[in-house]
Amino acid sequence: MNHSLDLWYNAEWDKFLTENPKFSGIAIQHIPRTASAIRGGIPCALQAYLESGVYHVVLKLLFADNTTWACRIRLRDSDEHPEFVKSTMESTVATMRYVKIEQLSQSLRFTTTNLILLLPP
C-alpha cells in the first residue's frame, strides 16, 4: 500500500495543528496501525483531515482494499464526568451506525456503488 502518511502528515496535519493547537496531543501516527488491527491486518493509511469542531477532529483512512473509514477523535474535557463521556460516545456510535444503514439502504435503492463505511461490519 502506498503510505502517503508522511507527506500528508508533514504538510496538512502540521498546518492544522498550527491553527488548532488543542489537538496537538493526538498521536495520529498510531491510527493506521490500530485501524489495520481492527480490520484483521489489512493495511491502511491516513488520507486527509476532513473536519473539526470544538472537541473533535475527523480523519480519513483508506485501506488497501479501497475501504474508506472516517476516524473521529474527540478531545476530553477534564471537567466532564465519565458517564457523560460514555453516553456521548454511545450516542456517536449509534448515529454512525444509523448513517451506515441509511447509506446502505440508499445504495441498494438507487444502485449507487460509492458507499462510505463509517464502522466495521
PDB file of N, CA and C in Angstrom:
ATOM      1  N   MET A   1       0.845  -1.186   0.000  1.00  0.00           N
ATOM      2  CA  MET A   1       0.000   0.000   0.000  1.00  0.00           C
ATOM      3  C   MET A   1       0.881   1.237   0.000  1.00  0.00           C
ATOM      4  N   ASN A   2       0.462   2.230  -0.721  1.00  0.00           N
ATOM      5  CA  ASN A   2       1.191   3.491  -0.765  1.00  0.00           C
ATOM      6  C   ASN A   2       0.965   4.232   0.548  1.00  0.00           C
ATOM      7  N   HIS A   3       2.019   4.420   1.309  1.00  0.00           N
ATOM      8  CA  HIS A   3       1.897   5.093   2.592  1.00  0.00           C
ATOM      9  C   HIS A   3       2.083   6.591   2.408  1.00  0.00           C
ATOM     10  N   SER A   4       0.967   7.269   2.195  1.00  0.00           N
ATOM     11  CA  SER A   4       1.016   8.715   1.975  1.00  0.00           C
ATOM     12  C   SER A   4       1.011   9.477   3.291  1.00  0.00           C
ATOM     13  N   LEU A   5       1.088   8.767   4.409  1.00  0.00           N
ATOM     14  CA  LEU A   5       1.018   9.426   5.708  1.00  0.00           C
ATOM     15  C   LEU A   5       2.113  10.464   5.871  1.00  0.00           C
ATOM     16  N   ASP A   6       3.345  10.146   5.511  1.00  0.00           N
ATOM     17  CA  ASP A   6       4.438  11.087   5.739  1.00  0.00           C
ATOM     18  C   ASP A   6       4.208  12.420   5.039  1.00  0.00           C
ATOM     19  N   LEU A   7       3.851  12.373   3.767  1.00  0.00           N
ATOM     20  CA  LEU A   7       3.620  13.616   3.031  1.00  0.00           C
ATOM     21  C   LEU A   7       2.409  14.352   3.592  1.00  0.00           C
ATOM     22  N   TRP A   8       1.315  13.619   3.815  1.00  0.00           N
ATOM     23  CA  TRP A   8       0.109  14.244   4.336  1.00  0.00           C
ATOM     24  C   TRP A   8       0.368  14.804   5.730  1.00  0.00           C
ATOM     25  N   TYR A   9       1.005  13.998   6.569  1.00  0.00           N
ATOM     26  CA  TYR A   9       1.247  14.400   7.948  1.00  0.00           C
ATOM     27  C   TYR A   9       2.067  15.680   8.004  1.00  0.00           C
ATOM     28  N   ASN A  10       3.157  15.705   7.283  1.00  0.00           N
ATOM     29  CA  ASN A  10       4.044  16.866   7.341  1.00  0.00           C
ATOM     30  C   ASN A  10       3.370  18.130   6.841  1.00  0.00           C
ATOM     31  N   ALA A  11       2.609  18.022   5.782  1.00  0.00           N
ATOM     32  CA  ALA A  11       2.023  19.219   5.190  1.00  0.00           C
ATOM     33  C   ALA A  11       0.719  19.626   5.871  1.00  0.00           C
ATOM     34  N   GLU A  12      -0.273  18.788   5.779  1.00  0.00           N
ATOM     35  CA  GLU A  12      -1.610  19.155   6.237  1.00  0.00           C
ATOM     36  C   GLU A  12      -1.785  19.131   7.760  1.00  0.00           C
ATOM     37  N   TRP A  13      -1.294  18.080   8.403  1.00  0.00           N
ATOM     38  CA  TRP A  13      -1.507  17.970   9.851  1.00  0.00           C
ATOM     39  C   TRP A  13      -0.765  19.072  10.595  1.00  0.00           C
ATOM     40  N   ASP A  14       0.472  19.350  10.197  1.00  0.00           N
ATOM     41  CA  ASP A  14       1.223  20.424  10.854  1.00  0.00           C
ATOM     42  C   ASP A  14       0.518  21.768  10.690  1.00  0.00           C
ATOM     43  N   LYS A  15      -0.020  22.016   9.508  1.00  0.00           N
ATOM     44  CA  LYS A  15      -0.765  23.262   9.273  1.00  0.00           C
ATOM     45  C   LYS A  15      -2.017  23.294  10.153  1.00  0.00           C
ATOM     46  N   PHE A  16      -2.726  22.167  10.214  1.00  0.00           N
ATOM     47  CA  PHE A  16      -3.914  22.079  11.053  1.00  0.00           C
ATOM     48  C   PHE A  16      -3.569  22.350  12.517  1.00  0.00           C
ATOM     49  N   LEU A  17      -2.464  21.751  13.000  1.00  0.00           N
ATOM     50  CA  LEU A  17      -2.082  21.932  14.401  1.00  0.00           C
ATOM     51  C   LEU A  17      -1.664  23.364  14.706  1.00  0.00           C
ATOM     52  N   THR A  18      -1.083  24.038  13.743  1.00  0.00           N
ATOM     53  CA  THR A  18      -0.728  25.443  13.935  1.00  0.00           C
ATOM     54  C   THR A  18      -1.988  26.275  14.180  1.00  0.00           C
ATOM     55  N   GLU A  19      -3.042  25.945  13.448  1.00  0.00           N
ATOM     56  CA  GLU A  19      -4.301  26.664  13.578  1.00  0.00           C
ATOM     57  C   GLU A  19      -5.156  26.154  14.739  1.00  0.00           C
ATOM     58  N   ASN A  20      -4.913  24.912  15.176  1.00  0.00           N
ATOM     59  CA  ASN A  20      -5.721  24.271  16.220  1.00  0.00           C
ATOM     60  C   ASN A  20      -4.822  23.544  17.212  1.00  0.00           C
ATOM     61  N   PRO A  21      -4.026  24.255  17.996  1.00  0.00           N
ATOM     62  CA  PRO A  21      -3.038  23.611  18.865  1.00  0.00           C
ATOM     63  C   PRO A  21      -3.628  22.686  19.930  1.00  0.00           C
ATOM     64  N   LYS A  22      -4.908  22.835  20.246  1.00  0.00           N
ATOM     65  CA  LYS A  22      -5.504  21.963  21.266  1.00  0.00           C
ATOM     66  C   LYS A  22      -5.514  20.493  20.853  1.00  0.00           C
ATOM     67  N   PHE A  23      -5.336  20.216  19.559  1.00  0.00           N
ATOM     68  CA  PHE A  23      -5.303  18.839  19.063  1.00  0.00           C
ATOM     69  C   PHE A  23      -3.891  18.264  18.993  1.00  0.00           C
ATOM     70  N   SER A  24      -2.908  18.997  19.479  1.00  0.00           N
ATOM     71  CA  SER A  24      -1.509  18.567  19.335  1.00  0.00           C
ATOM     72  C   SER A  24      -1.178  17.288  20.098  1.00  0.00           C
ATOM     73  N   GLY A  25      -2.000  16.893  21.046  1.00  0.00           N
ATOM     74  CA  GLY A  25      -1.749  15.667  21.795  1.00  0.00           C
ATOM     75  C   GLY A  25      -2.170  14.402  21.068  1.00  0.00           C
ATOM     76  N   ILE A  26      -2.793  14.529  19.915  1.00  0.00           N
ATOM     77  CA  ILE A  26      -3.243  13.357  19.162  1.00  0.00           C
ATOM     78  C   ILE A  26      -2.058  12.759  18.404  1.00  0.00           C
ATOM     79  N   ALA A  27      -1.767  11.512  18.689  1.00  0.00           N
ATOM     80  CA  ALA A  27      -0.657  10.810  18.027  1.00  0.00           C
ATOM     81  C   ALA A  27      -1.204  10.092  16.800  1.00  0.00           C
ATOM     82  N   ILE A  28      -1.411  10.847  15.721  1.00  0.00           N
ATOM     83  CA  ILE A  28      -2.063  10.259  14.548  1.00  0.00           C
ATOM     84  C   ILE A  28      -1.236   9.166  13.884  1.00  0.00           C
ATOM     85  N   GLN A  29       0.055   9.115  14.170  1.00  0.00           N
ATOM     86  CA  GLN A  29       0.873   8.079  13.548  1.00  0.00           C
ATOM     87  C   GLN A  29       0.460   6.679  13.990  1.00  0.00           C
ATOM     88  N   HIS A  30      -0.268   6.563  15.104  1.00  0.00           N
ATOM     89  CA  HIS A  30      -0.708   5.264  15.602  1.00  0.00           C
ATOM     90  C   HIS A  30      -2.071   4.838  15.044  1.00  0.00           C
ATOM     91  N   ILE A  31      -2.799   5.751  14.450  1.00  0.00           N
ATOM     92  CA  ILE A  31      -4.155   5.462  13.985  1.00  0.00           C
ATOM     93  C   ILE A  31      -4.170   4.380  12.902  1.00  0.00           C
ATOM     94  N   PRO A  32      -3.335   4.449  11.865  1.00  0.00           N
ATOM     95  CA  PRO A  32      -3.391   3.390  10.843  1.00  0.00           C
ATOM     96  C   PRO A  32      -3.116   1.993  11.399  1.00  0.00           C
ATOM     97  N   ARG A  33      -2.183   1.879  12.314  1.00  0.00           N
ATOM     98  CA  ARG A  33      -1.865   0.566  12.895  1.00  0.00           C
ATOM     99  C   ARG A  33      -3.063   0.021  13.678  1.00  0.00           C
ATOM    100  N   THR A  34      -3.715   0.875  14.439  1.00  0.00           N
ATOM    101  CA  THR A  34      -4.875   0.456  15.216  1.00  0.00           C
ATOM    102  C   THR A  34      -6.030   0.060  14.296  1.00  0.00           C
ATOM    103  N   ALA A  35      -6.307   0.870  13.305  1.00  0.00           N
ATOM    104  CA  ALA A  35      -7.392   0.574  12.367  1.00  0.00           C
ATOM    105  C   ALA A  35      -7.105  -0.716  11.604  1.00  0.00           C
ATOM    106  N   SER A  36      -5.865  -0.902  11.198  1.00  0.00           N
ATOM    107  CA  SER A  36      -5.480  -2.123  10.492  1.00  0.00           C
ATOM    108  C   SER A  36      -5.709  -3.352  11.373  1.00  0.00           C
ATOM    109  N   ALA A  37      -5.372  -3.249  12.643  1.00  0.00           N
ATOM    110  CA  ALA A  37      -5.577  -4.365  13.567  1.00  0.00           C
ATOM    111  C   ALA A  37      -7.066  -4.688  13.714  1.00  0.00           C
ATOM    112  N   ILE A  38      -7.897  -3.665  13.755  1.00  0.00           N
ATOM    113  CA  ILE A  38      -9.344  -3.872  13.866  1.00  0.00           C
ATOM    114  C   ILE A  38      -9.870  -4.623  12.647  1.00  0.00           C
ATOM    115  N   ARG A  39      -9.280  -4.350  11.480  1.00  0.00           N
ATOM    116  CA  ARG A  39      -9.728  -4.991  10.232  1.00  0.00           C
ATOM    117  C   ARG A  39      -8.915  -6.231   9.886  1.00  0.00           C
ATOM    118  N   GLY A  40      -8.308  -6.850  10.860  1.00  0.00           N
ATOM    119  CA  GLY A  40      -7.628  -8.115  10.622  1.00  0.00           C
ATOM    120  C   GLY A  40      -6.305  -8.002   9.891  1.00  0.00           C
ATOM    121  N   GLY A  41      -5.657  -6.857  10.015  1.00  0.00           N
ATOM    122  CA  GLY A  41      -4.338  -6.683   9.429  1.00  0.00           C
ATOM    123  C   GLY A  41      -4.322  -6.069   8.039  1.00  0.00           C
ATOM    124  N   ILE A  42      -5.460  -5.671   7.502  1.00  0.00           N
ATOM    125  CA  ILE A  42      -5.485  -5.014   6.189  1.00  0.00           C
ATOM    126  C   ILE A  42      -4.797  -3.658   6.328  1.00  0.00           C
ATOM    127  N   PRO A  43      -3.747  -3.415   5.564  1.00  0.00           N
ATOM    128  CA  PRO A  43      -3.010  -2.143   5.688  1.00  0.00           C
ATOM    129  C   PRO A  43      -3.890  -0.940   5.343  1.00  0.00           C
ATOM    130  N   CYS A  44      -3.587   0.183   5.980  1.00  0.00           N
ATOM    131  CA  CYS A  44      -4.302   1.416   5.675  1.00  0.00           C
ATOM    132  C   CYS A  44      -3.386   2.603   5.918  1.00  0.00           C
ATOM    133  N   ALA A  45      -3.829   3.745   5.444  1.00  0.00           N
ATOM    134  CA  ALA A  45      -3.068   4.983   5.624  1.00  0.00           C
ATOM    135  C   ALA A  45      -4.046   6.136   5.821  1.00  0.00           C
ATOM    136  N   LEU A  46      -3.618   7.123   6.590  1.00  0.00           N
ATOM    137  CA  LEU A  46      -4.391   8.346   6.700  1.00  0.00           C
ATOM    138  C   LEU A  46      -4.323   9.074   5.373  1.00  0.00           C
ATOM    139  N   GLN A  47      -5.455   9.551   4.918  1.00  0.00           N
ATOM    140  CA  GLN A  47      -5.500  10.225   3.632  1.00  0.00           C
ATOM    141  C   GLN A  47      -5.706  11.722   3.740  1.00  0.00           C
ATOM    142  N   ALA A  48      -6.434  12.151   4.762  1.00  0.00           N
ATOM    143  CA  ALA A  48      -6.722  13.581   4.851  1.00  0.00           C
ATOM    144  C   ALA A  48      -7.366  13.910   6.185  1.00  0.00           C
ATOM    145  N   TYR A  49      -7.310  15.175   6.506  1.00  0.00           N
ATOM    146  CA  TYR A  49      -8.090  15.732   7.607  1.00  0.00           C
ATOM    147  C   TYR A  49      -9.409  16.149   6.971  1.00  0.00           C
ATOM    148  N   LEU A  50     -10.518  15.726   7.544  1.00  0.00           N
ATOM    149  CA  LEU A  50     -11.808  16.027   6.935  1.00  0.00           C
ATOM    150  C   LEU A  50     -12.512  17.223   7.558  1.00  0.00           C
ATOM    151  N   GLU A  51     -12.559  17.230   8.890  1.00  0.00           N
ATOM    152  CA  GLU A  51     -13.333  18.273   9.558  1.00  0.00           C
ATOM    153  C   GLU A  51     -12.926  18.325  11.017  1.00  0.00           C
ATOM    154  N   SER A  52     -13.229  19.435  11.664  1.00  0.00           N
ATOM    155  CA  SER A  52     -13.010  19.527  13.104  1.00  0.00           C
ATOM    156  C   SER A  52     -14.087  20.403  13.705  1.00  0.00           C
ATOM    157  N   GLY A  53     -14.260  20.226  15.006  1.00  0.00           N
ATOM    158  CA  GLY A  53     -15.203  21.021  15.761  1.00  0.00           C
ATOM    159  C   GLY A  53     -14.533  21.475  17.044  1.00  0.00           C
ATOM    160  N   VAL A  54     -15.323  21.875  18.001  1.00  0.00           N
ATOM    161  CA  VAL A  54     -14.779  22.350  19.264  1.00  0.00           C
ATOM    162  C   VAL A  54     -14.020  21.235  19.980  1.00  0.00           C
ATOM    163  N   TYR A  55     -14.585  20.017  19.961  1.00  0.00           N
ATOM    164  CA  TYR A  55     -13.987  18.918  20.709  1.00  0.00           C
ATOM    165  C   TYR A  55     -13.597  17.710  19.858  1.00  0.00           C
ATOM    166  N   HIS A  56     -13.651  17.809  18.544  1.00  0.00           N
ATOM    167  CA  HIS A  56     -13.326  16.633  17.744  1.00  0.00           C
ATOM    168  C   HIS A  56     -12.634  17.004  16.437  1.00  0.00           C
ATOM    169  N   VAL A  57     -11.967  15.996  15.891  1.00  0.00           N
ATOM    170  CA  VAL A  57     -11.386  16.103  14.565  1.00  0.00           C
ATOM    171  C   VAL A  57     -11.705  14.795  13.836  1.00  0.00           C
ATOM    172  N   VAL A  58     -11.959  14.878  12.539  1.00  0.00           N
ATOM    173  CA  VAL A  58     -12.286  13.703  11.744  1.00  0.00           C
ATOM    174  C   VAL A  58     -11.205  13.537  10.674  1.00  0.00           C
ATOM    175  N   LEU A  59     -10.656  12.323  10.611  1.00  0.00           N
ATOM    176  CA  LEU A  59      -9.612  11.990   9.649  1.00  0.00           C
ATOM    177  C   LEU A  59     -10.118  10.896   8.719  1.00  0.00           C
ATOM    178  N   LYS A  60      -9.612  10.869   7.497  1.00  0.00           N
ATOM    179  CA  LYS A  60      -9.995   9.849   6.525  1.00  0.00           C
ATOM    180  C   LYS A  60      -8.918   8.779   6.466  1.00  0.00           C
ATOM    181  N   LEU A  61      -9.348   7.519   6.555  1.00  0.00           N
ATOM    182  CA  LEU A  61      -8.451   6.370   6.419  1.00  0.00           C
ATOM    183  C   LEU A  61      -8.808   5.615   5.147  1.00  0.00           C
ATOM    184  N   LEU A  62      -7.791   5.202   4.393  1.00  0.00           N
ATOM    185  CA  LEU A  62      -8.010   4.392   3.198  1.00  0.00           C
ATOM    186  C   LEU A  62      -7.273   3.075   3.372  1.00  0.00           C
ATOM    187  N   PHE A  63      -8.002   1.964   3.246  1.00  0.00           N
ATOM    188  CA  PHE A  63      -7.434   0.630   3.375  1.00  0.00           C
ATOM    189  C   PHE A  63      -6.983   0.105   2.010  1.00  0.00           C
ATOM    190  N   ALA A  64      -6.121  -0.897   2.038  1.00  0.00           N
ATOM    191  CA  ALA A  64      -5.573  -1.483   0.816  1.00  0.00           C
ATOM    192  C   ALA A  64      -6.664  -2.061  -0.080  1.00  0.00           C
ATOM    193  N   ASP A  65      -7.805  -2.437   0.501  1.00  0.00           N
ATOM    194  CA  ASP A  65      -8.909  -2.979  -0.306  1.00  0.00           C
ATOM    195  C   ASP A  65      -9.881  -1.881  -0.744  1.00  0.00           C
ATOM    196  N   ASN A  66      -9.447  -0.623  -0.654  1.00  0.00           N
ATOM    197  CA  ASN A  66     -10.221   0.564  -1.041  1.00  0.00           C
ATOM    198  C   ASN A  66     -11.404   0.878  -0.137  1.00  0.00           C
ATOM    199  N   THR A  67     -11.483   0.249   1.020  1.00  0.00           N
ATOM    200  CA  THR A  67     -12.482   0.615   2.021  1.00  0.00           C
ATOM    201  C   THR A  67     -12.032   1.924   2.661  1.00  0.00           C
ATOM    202  N   THR A  68     -12.967   2.817   2.888  1.00  0.00           N
ATOM    203  CA  THR A  68     -12.677   4.109   3.495  1.00  0.00           C
ATOM    204  C   THR A  68     -13.394   4.205   4.836  1.00  0.00           C
ATOM    205  N   TRP A  69     -12.678   4.677   5.826  1.00  0.00           N
ATOM    206  CA  TRP A  69     -13.267   4.929   7.141  1.00  0.00           C
ATOM    207  C   TRP A  69     -13.082   6.391   7.503  1.00  0.00           C
ATOM    208  N   ALA A  70     -14.032   6.913   8.257  1.00  0.00           N
ATOM    209  CA  ALA A  70     -13.864   8.210   8.902  1.00  0.00           C
ATOM    210  C   ALA A  70     -13.488   7.931  10.354  1.00  0.00           C
ATOM    211  N   CYS A  71     -12.404   8.514  10.799  1.00  0.00           N
ATOM    212  CA  CYS A  71     -11.921   8.315  12.172  1.00  0.00           C
ATOM    213  C   CYS A  71     -12.172   9.607  12.939  1.00  0.00           C
ATOM    214  N   ARG A  72     -13.106   9.548  13.863  1.00  0.00           N
ATOM    215  CA  ARG A  72     -13.463  10.731  14.656  1.00  0.00           C
ATOM    216  C   ARG A  72     -12.784  10.639  16.011  1.00  0.00           C
ATOM    217  N   ILE A  73     -12.010  11.652  16.348  1.00  0.00           N
ATOM    218  CA  ILE A  73     -11.287  11.698  17.615  1.00  0.00           C
ATOM    219  C   ILE A  73     -11.845  12.851  18.431  1.00  0.00           C
ATOM    220  N   ARG A  74     -12.278  12.526  19.628  1.00  0.00           N
ATOM    221  CA  ARG A  74     -12.878  13.528  20.498  1.00  0.00           C
ATOM    222  C   ARG A  74     -11.906  13.894  21.612  1.00  0.00           C
ATOM    223  N   LEU A  75     -11.688  15.185  21.780  1.00  0.00           N
ATOM    224  CA  LEU A  75     -10.880  15.653  22.905  1.00  0.00           C
ATOM    225  C   LEU A  75     -11.712  15.550  24.173  1.00  0.00           C
ATOM    226  N   ARG A  76     -11.056  15.277  25.242  1.00  0.00           N
ATOM    227  CA  ARG A  76     -11.760  15.132  26.510  1.00  0.00           C
ATOM    228  C   ARG A  76     -11.521  16.363  27.373  1.00  0.00           C
ATOM    229  N   ASP A  77     -12.599  16.880  27.893  1.00  0.00           N
ATOM    230  CA  ASP A  77     -12.544  17.998  28.826  1.00  0.00           C
ATOM    231  C   ASP A  77     -12.369  17.403  30.224  1.00  0.00           C
ATOM    232  N   SER A  78     -11.389  17.858  30.954  1.00  0.00           N
ATOM    233  CA  SER A  78     -11.092  17.291  32.276  1.00  0.00           C
ATOM    234  C   SER A  78     -12.237  17.476  33.265  1.00  0.00           C
ATOM    235  N   ASP A  79     -13.146  18.391  32.982  1.00  0.00           N
ATOM    236  CA  ASP A  79     -14.282  18.618  33.876  1.00  0.00           C
ATOM    237  C   ASP A  79     -15.466  17.686  33.585  1.00  0.00           C
ATOM    238  N   GLU A  80     -15.396  16.931  32.495  1.00  0.00           N
ATOM    239  CA  GLU A  80     -16.515  16.068  32.128  1.00  0.00           C
ATOM    240  C   GLU A  80     -16.572  14.824  33.016  1.00  0.00           C
ATOM    241  N   HIS A  81     -17.760  14.485  33.415  1.00  0.00           N
ATOM    242  CA  HIS A  81     -17.971  13.275  34.209  1.00  0.00           C
ATOM    243  C   HIS A  81     -17.824  12.056  33.291  1.00  0.00           C
ATOM    244  N   PRO A  82     -17.207  10.962  33.768  1.00  0.00           N
ATOM    245  CA  PRO A  82     -17.017   9.766  32.932  1.00  0.00           C
ATOM    246  C   PRO A  82     -18.315   9.217  32.328  1.00  0.00           C
ATOM    247  N   GLU A  83     -19.430   9.330  33.041  1.00  0.00           N
ATOM    248  CA  GLU A  83     -20.704   8.848  32.499  1.00  0.00           C
ATOM    249  C   GLU A  83     -21.159   9.705  31.315  1.00  0.00           C
ATOM    250  N   PHE A  84     -20.867  11.008  31.384  1.00  0.00           N
ATOM    251  CA  PHE A  84     -21.192  11.883  30.261  1.00  0.00           C
ATOM    252  C   PHE A  84     -20.366  11.499  29.038  1.00  0.00           C
ATOM    253  N   VAL A  85     -19.085  11.246  29.242  1.00  0.00           N
ATOM    254  CA  VAL A  85     -18.199  10.844  28.142  1.00  0.00           C
ATOM    255  C   VAL A  85     -18.706   9.543  27.529  1.00  0.00           C
ATOM    256  N   LYS A  86     -19.078   8.593  28.379  1.00  0.00           N
ATOM    257  CA  LYS A  86     -19.578   7.299  27.901  1.00  0.00           C
ATOM    258  C   LYS A  86     -20.857   7.481  27.091  1.00  0.00           C
ATOM    259  N   SER A  87     -21.810   8.248  27.593  1.00  0.00           N
ATOM    260  CA  SER A  87     -23.074   8.424  26.876  1.00  0.00           C
ATOM    261  C   SER A  87     -22.872   9.191  25.578  1.00  0.00           C
ATOM    262  N   THR A  88     -21.935  10.136  25.559  1.00  0.00           N
ATOM    263  CA  THR A  88     -21.632  10.864  24.325  1.00  0.00           C
ATOM    264  C   THR A  88     -21.065   9.917  23.273  1.00  0.00           C
ATOM    265  N   MET A  89     -20.155   9.039  23.689  1.00  0.00           N
ATOM    266  CA  MET A  89     -19.570   8.078  22.751  1.00  0.00           C
ATOM    267  C   MET A  89     -20.630   7.105  22.238  1.00  0.00           C
ATOM    268  N   GLU A  90     -21.483   6.606  23.122  1.00  0.00           N
ATOM    269  CA  GLU A  90     -22.550   5.692  22.701  1.00  0.00           C
ATOM    270  C   GLU A  90     -23.490   6.367  21.707  1.00  0.00           C
ATOM    271  N   SER A  91     -23.801   7.624  21.933  1.00  0.00           N
ATOM    272  CA  SER A  91     -24.654   8.369  21.018  1.00  0.00           C
ATOM    273  C   SER A  91     -23.988   8.533  19.650  1.00  0.00           C
ATOM    274  N   THR A  92     -22.700   8.830  19.662  1.00  0.00           N
ATOM    275  CA  THR A  92     -21.962   8.985  18.406  1.00  0.00           C
ATOM    276  C   THR A  92     -21.950   7.675  17.626  1.00  0.00           C
ATOM    277  N   VAL A  93     -21.674   6.572  18.302  1.00  0.00           N
ATOM    278  CA  VAL A  93     -21.643   5.268  17.635  1.00  0.00           C
ATOM    279  C   VAL A  93     -23.015   4.922  17.073  1.00  0.00           C
ATOM    280  N   ALA A  94     -24.068   5.166  17.837  1.00  0.00           N
ATOM    281  CA  ALA A  94     -25.418   4.889  17.355  1.00  0.00           C
ATOM    282  C   ALA A  94     -25.739   5.727  16.116  1.00  0.00           C
ATOM    283  N   THR A  95     -25.341   6.983  16.132  1.00  0.00           N
ATOM    284  CA  THR A  95     -25.567   7.849  14.972  1.00  0.00           C
ATOM    285  C   THR A  95     -24.815   7.341  13.753  1.00  0.00           C
ATOM    286  N   MET A  96     -23.561   6.940  13.942  1.00  0.00           N
ATOM    287  CA  MET A  96     -22.767   6.446  12.819  1.00  0.00           C
ATOM    288  C   MET A  96     -23.347   5.150  12.264  1.00  0.00           C
ATOM    289  N   ARG A  97     -23.845   4.280  13.137  1.00  0.00           N
ATOM    290  CA  ARG A  97     -24.481   3.044  12.658  1.00  0.00           C
ATOM    291  C   ARG A  97     -25.729   3.370  11.844  1.00  0.00           C
ATOM    292  N   TYR A  98     -26.502   4.334  12.302  1.00  0.00           N
ATOM    293  CA  TYR A  98     -27.691   4.738  11.570  1.00  0.00           C
ATOM    294  C   TYR A  98     -27.320   5.278  10.189  1.00  0.00           C
ATOM    295  N   VAL A  99     -26.312   6.137  10.148  1.00  0.00           N
ATOM    296  CA  VAL A  99     -25.866   6.694   8.869  1.00  0.00           C
ATOM    297  C   VAL A  99     -25.405   5.575   7.942  1.00  0.00           C
ATOM    298  N   LYS A 100     -24.670   4.617   8.474  1.00  0.00           N
ATOM    299  CA  LYS A 100     -24.193   3.500   7.658  1.00  0.00           C
ATOM    300  C   LYS A 100     -25.374   2.711   7.096  1.00  0.00           C
ATOM    301  N   ILE A 101     -26.370   2.429   7.927  1.00  0.00           N
ATOM    302  CA  ILE A 101     -27.544   1.682   7.462  1.00  0.00           C
ATOM    303  C   ILE A 101     -28.287   2.473   6.404  1.00  0.00           C
ATOM    304  N   GLU A 102     -28.460   3.778   6.630  1.00  0.00           N
ATOM    305  CA  GLU A 102     -29.153   4.607   5.650  1.00  0.00           C
ATOM    306  C   GLU A 102     -28.381   4.676   4.337  1.00  0.00           C
ATOM    307  N   GLN A 103     -27.053   4.757   4.414  1.00  0.00           N
ATOM    308  CA  GLN A 103     -26.257   4.774   3.189  1.00  0.00           C
ATOM    309  C   GLN A 103     -26.423   3.464   2.449  1.00  0.00           C
ATOM    310  N   LEU A 104     -26.423   2.351   3.168  1.00  0.00           N
ATOM    311  CA  LEU A 104     -26.599   1.057   2.543  1.00  0.00           C
ATOM    312  C   LEU A 104     -27.979   0.975   1.912  1.00  0.00           C
ATOM    313  N   SER A 105     -28.986   1.468   2.626  1.00  0.00           N
ATOM    314  CA  SER A 105     -30.338   1.475   2.098  1.00  0.00           C
ATOM    315  C   SER A 105     -30.404   2.295   0.811  1.00  0.00           C
ATOM    316  N   GLN A 106     -29.811   3.477   0.816  1.00  0.00           N
ATOM    317  CA  GLN A 106     -29.779   4.322  -0.384  1.00  0.00           C
ATOM    318  C   GLN A 106     -29.012   3.635  -1.506  1.00  0.00           C
ATOM    319  N   SER A 107     -27.924   2.981  -1.162  1.00  0.00           N
ATOM    320  CA  SER A 107     -27.109   2.303  -2.156  1.00  0.00           C
ATOM    321  C   SER A 107     -27.910   1.201  -2.844  1.00  0.00           C
ATOM    322  N   LEU A 108     -28.653   0.426  -2.061  1.00  0.00           N
ATOM    323  CA  LEU A 108     -29.442  -0.655  -2.630  1.00  0.00           C
ATOM    324  C   LEU A 108     -30.615  -0.114  -3.436  1.00  0.00           C
ATOM    325  N   ARG A 109     -31.218   0.943  -2.937  1.00  0.00           N
ATOM    326  CA  ARG A 109     -32.383   1.508  -3.605  1.00  0.00           C
ATOM    327  C   ARG A 109     -32.020   2.143  -4.944  1.00  0.00           C
ATOM    328  N   PHE A 110     -30.887   2.848  -4.987  1.00  0.00           N
ATOM    329  CA  PHE A 110     -30.517   3.578  -6.190  1.00  0.00           C
ATOM    330  C   PHE A 110     -29.326   2.960  -6.918  1.00  0.00           C
ATOM    331  N   THR A 111     -28.913   1.790  -6.499  1.00  0.00           N
ATOM    332  CA  THR A 111     -27.766   1.071  -7.056  1.00  0.00           C
ATOM    333  C   THR A 111     -26.507   1.924  -7.145  1.00  0.00           C
ATOM    334  N   THR A 112     -26.296   2.742  -6.144  1.00  0.00           N
ATOM    335  CA  THR A 112     -25.075   3.534  -6.055  1.00  0.00           C
ATOM    336  C   THR A 112     -23.953   2.623  -5.594  1.00  0.00           C
ATOM    337  N   THR A 113     -22.780   2.735  -6.176  1.00  0.00           N
ATOM    338  CA  THR A 113     -21.675   1.857  -5.803  1.00  0.00           C
ATOM    339  C   THR A 113     -20.692   2.517  -4.860  1.00  0.00           C
ATOM    340  N   ASN A 114     -20.744   3.803  -4.669  1.00  0.00           N
ATOM    341  CA  ASN A 114     -19.792   4.505  -3.806  1.00  0.00           C
ATOM    342  C   ASN A 114     -20.338   4.623  -2.395  1.00  0.00           C
ATOM    343  N   LEU A 115     -20.144   3.592  -1.601  1.00  0.00           N
ATOM    344  CA  LEU A 115     -20.629   3.574  -0.228  1.00  0.00           C
ATOM    345  C   LEU A 115     -19.454   3.800   0.711  1.00  0.00           C
ATOM    346  N   ILE A 116     -19.568   4.774   1.585  1.00  0.00           N
ATOM    347  CA  ILE A 116     -18.536   5.045   2.571  1.00  0.00           C
ATOM    348  C   ILE A 116     -18.910   4.312   3.853  1.00  0.00           C
ATOM    349  N   LEU A 117     -18.030   3.434   4.302  1.00  0.00           N
ATOM    350  CA  LEU A 117     -18.282   2.699   5.534  1.00  0.00           C
ATOM    351  C   LEU A 117     -17.706   3.481   6.697  1.00  0.00           C
ATOM    352  N   LEU A 118     -18.522   3.739   7.692  1.00  0.00           N
ATOM    353  CA  LEU A 118     -18.085   4.506   8.841  1.00  0.00           C
ATOM    354  C   LEU A 118     -17.660   3.614   9.999  1.00  0.00           C
ATOM    355  N   LEU A 119     -18.179   2.400  10.034  1.00  0.00           N
ATOM    356  CA  LEU A 119     -17.847   1.472  11.105  1.00  0.00           C
ATOM    357  C   LEU A 119     -17.602   0.099  10.483  1.00  0.00           C
ATOM    358  N   PRO A 120     -16.805  -0.715  11.140  1.00  0.00           N
ATOM    359  CA  PRO A 120     -16.648  -2.071  10.625  1.00  0.00           C
ATOM    360  C   PRO A 120     -17.968  -2.824  10.738  1.00  0.00           C
ATOM    361  N   PRO A 121     -18.197  -3.823   9.875  1.00  0.00           N
ATOM    362  CA  PRO A 121     -19.463  -4.567   9.931  1.00  0.00           C
ATOM    363  C   PRO A 121     -19.617  -5.313  11.244  1.00  0.00           C
TER     364      PRO A 121
END
